[in-house]
Amino acid sequence: DLHSFPTRRSSDLWQKHAPAVIDDADRFLASMTGGRYRVCAGPCDGGIRVIDTKTGEKKYGKEWSTGLGDQVRLAMKMAIALLLSAEYPPMILDDVLLTSDTERKRGGCRAIRELSKSLQVIYFTCDRETRDLMEAEGARILPV
């Protein structure tokens, strides 16, 4: 039936791909937040949900702070990048941490370092703090 096709197809795709993407996104988000937030989702959950490990509270996207939302979206992008190709093309990021506070930048740099173990990451920034945090995580800094 035509109306059930998107749901059936979504469930099929979920079974095939989502567990790895969610596991990777969860790992990256945990790295970014020092384990405070974890990702969980399912085909019938209505979207991505995070759990605050300190309080046990479950939050959907509309309940996230701007900073947490940025972290979740970056974690998902990084997880999807791992899924896209067996050749692992480089991932190019342009100042995705610019609006984050210092602790979120530090966590983002940790997660990007973790991602760089699987694929090449090229990160552009005009922010001295982000540059210094990236360097502290072992990034090779190239002058312009």
Protein backbone atom coordinates (compact mmCIF):
# COMPACT_ATOMS: atom_id res chain seq x y z
CA ASP A 1 0.00 0.00 0.00
CA LEU A 2 1.29 3.42 -1.00
CA HIS A 3 0.67 5.05 2.38
CA SER A 4 2.63 2.47 4.35
CA PHE A 5 5.62 2.51 1.98
CA PRO A 6 7.50 5.43 3.63
CA THR A 7 7.05 3.90 7.08
CA ARG A 8 8.03 0.41 5.93
CA ARG A 9 10.99 1.78 3.97
CA SER A 10 12.09 3.93 6.92
CA SER A 11 11.99 0.91 9.23
CA ASP A 12 14.03 -1.10 6.72
CA LEU A 13 16.63 1.67 6.47
CA TRP A 14 16.64 2.02 10.26
CA GLN A 15 17.37 -1.66 10.76
CA LYS A 16 20.21 -1.51 8.25
CA HIS A 17 21.94 1.79 9.09
CA ALA A 18 20.67 3.61 12.16
CA PRO A 19 22.14 1.46 14.90
CA ALA A 20 25.72 2.16 13.73
CA VAL A 21 25.01 5.86 13.19
CA ILE A 22 23.32 6.20 16.59
CA ASP A 23 26.12 4.27 18.31
CA ASP A 24 28.76 6.52 16.69
CA ALA A 25 26.77 9.71 17.40
CA ASP A 26 26.36 8.57 21.01
CA ARG A 27 30.10 7.98 21.32
CA PHE A 28 30.90 11.43 19.88
CA LEU A 29 28.29 13.21 22.04
CA ALA A 30 29.54 11.42 25.15
CA SER A 31 33.07 12.55 24.29
CA MET A 32 31.90 16.14 23.79
CA THR A 33 29.92 16.28 27.04
CA GLY A 34 32.18 14.25 29.29
CA GLY A 35 29.54 11.51 29.35
CA ARG A 36 26.74 13.77 30.60
CA TYR A 37 24.54 13.33 27.52
CA ARG A 38 23.88 10.16 25.54
CA VAL A 39 21.99 9.75 22.25
CA CYS A 40 19.11 7.37 21.86
CA ALA A 41 16.62 7.11 19.01
CA GLY A 42 14.40 4.67 17.22
CA PRO A 43 12.20 4.61 14.14
CA CYS A 44 9.08 5.32 16.20
CA ASP A 45 10.62 7.67 18.76
CA GLY A 46 9.75 10.80 16.81
CA GLY A 47 13.34 11.85 16.31
CA ILE A 48 16.62 12.02 18.11
CA ARG A 49 16.45 12.08 21.86
CA VAL A 50 19.20 12.59 24.40
CA ILE A 51 19.36 11.43 27.99
CA ASP A 52 20.97 13.51 30.71
CA THR A 53 22.95 10.89 32.63
CA LYS A 54 23.01 13.06 35.77
CA THR A 55 19.24 13.49 36.05
CA GLY A 56 17.86 10.71 33.86
CA GLU A 57 15.81 13.31 31.96
CA LYS A 58 15.05 12.51 28.31
CA LYS A 59 14.93 15.46 25.93
CA TYR A 60 13.83 15.83 22.31
CA GLY A 61 15.21 18.55 20.03
CA LYS A 62 12.79 21.29 21.06
CA GLU A 63 13.92 20.86 24.67
CA TRP A 64 17.66 21.19 23.97
CA SER A 65 19.63 24.31 24.73
CA THR A 66 21.29 25.94 21.73
CA GLY A 67 24.67 24.57 22.83
CA LEU A 68 23.41 21.02 23.32
CA GLY A 69 21.64 21.17 19.96
CA ASP A 70 24.90 22.21 18.28
CA GLN A 71 26.68 19.29 19.96
CA VAL A 72 24.04 16.74 18.95
CA ARG A 73 24.02 17.95 15.33
CA LEU A 74 27.83 17.82 15.14
CA ALA A 75 27.85 14.32 16.66
CA MET A 76 25.29 13.19 14.05
CA LYS A 77 27.27 14.77 11.17
CA MET A 78 30.42 13.03 12.32
CA ALA A 79 28.62 9.68 12.66
CA ILE A 80 27.08 10.01 9.20
CA ALA A 81 30.49 10.85 7.73
CA LEU A 82 31.75 7.47 8.97
CA LEU A 83 28.83 5.74 7.25
CA LEU A 84 29.03 7.48 3.87
CA SER A 85 31.93 5.74 2.22
CA ALA A 86 34.29 2.84 2.65
CA GLU A 87 37.07 5.12 1.34
CA TYR A 88 36.50 7.69 4.10
CA PRO A 89 36.97 10.95 2.21
CA PRO A 90 38.18 13.88 4.32
CA MET A 91 35.63 15.74 6.38
CA ILE A 92 35.86 19.51 6.08
CA LEU A 93 34.53 21.57 8.98
CA ASP A 94 34.40 25.36 8.93
CA ASP A 95 34.32 26.87 12.42
CA VAL A 96 31.52 24.63 13.68
CA LEU A 97 32.61 25.35 17.27
CA LEU A 98 32.79 29.15 16.91
CA THR A 99 29.60 29.89 18.88
CA SER A 100 30.33 27.34 21.62
CA ASP A 101 31.56 28.26 25.08
CA THR A 102 35.03 27.12 26.13
CA GLU A 103 33.96 23.79 27.66
CA ARG A 104 31.84 22.87 24.63
CA LYS A 105 34.73 23.82 22.33
CA ARG A 106 37.07 21.62 24.36
CA GLY A 107 34.61 18.71 24.15
CA GLY A 108 34.11 19.28 20.43
CA CYS A 109 37.86 19.19 19.89
CA ARG A 110 38.06 15.88 21.80
CA ALA A 111 35.34 14.38 19.59
CA ILE A 112 36.95 15.69 16.40
CA ARG A 113 40.24 14.14 17.50
CA GLU A 114 38.41 10.85 17.98
CA LEU A 115 36.86 11.14 14.50
CA SER A 116 40.29 11.86 13.03
CA LYS A 117 41.39 8.36 14.03
CA SER A 118 39.03 7.03 11.33
CA LEU A 119 39.18 9.72 8.66
CA GLN A 120 41.03 12.90 7.83
CA VAL A 121 39.47 16.04 9.28
CA ILE A 122 40.26 19.47 7.91
CA TYR A 123 39.11 22.19 10.28
CA PHE A 124 39.09 25.87 9.38
CA THR A 125 38.87 28.48 12.13
CA CYS A 126 39.41 32.18 12.67
CA ASP A 127 39.11 31.73 16.44
CA ARG A 128 42.37 31.66 18.41
CA GLU A 129 40.80 29.75 21.33
CA THR A 130 39.55 26.95 19.05
CA ARG A 131 42.94 26.84 17.31
CA ASP A 132 44.71 26.46 20.66
CA LEU A 133 42.29 23.77 21.86
CA MET A 134 42.71 21.86 18.59
CA GLU A 135 46.47 22.07 18.95
CA ALA A 136 46.22 20.80 22.54
CA GLU A 137 44.33 17.76 21.15
CA GLY A 138 47.21 17.06 18.77
CA ALA A 139 45.97 18.80 15.62
CA ARG A 140 48.58 19.88 13.10
CA ILE A 141 48.23 23.65 12.68
CA LEU A 142 48.98 25.15 9.28
CA PRO A 143 49.58 28.90 9.05
CA VAL A 144 47.74 30.92 6.44
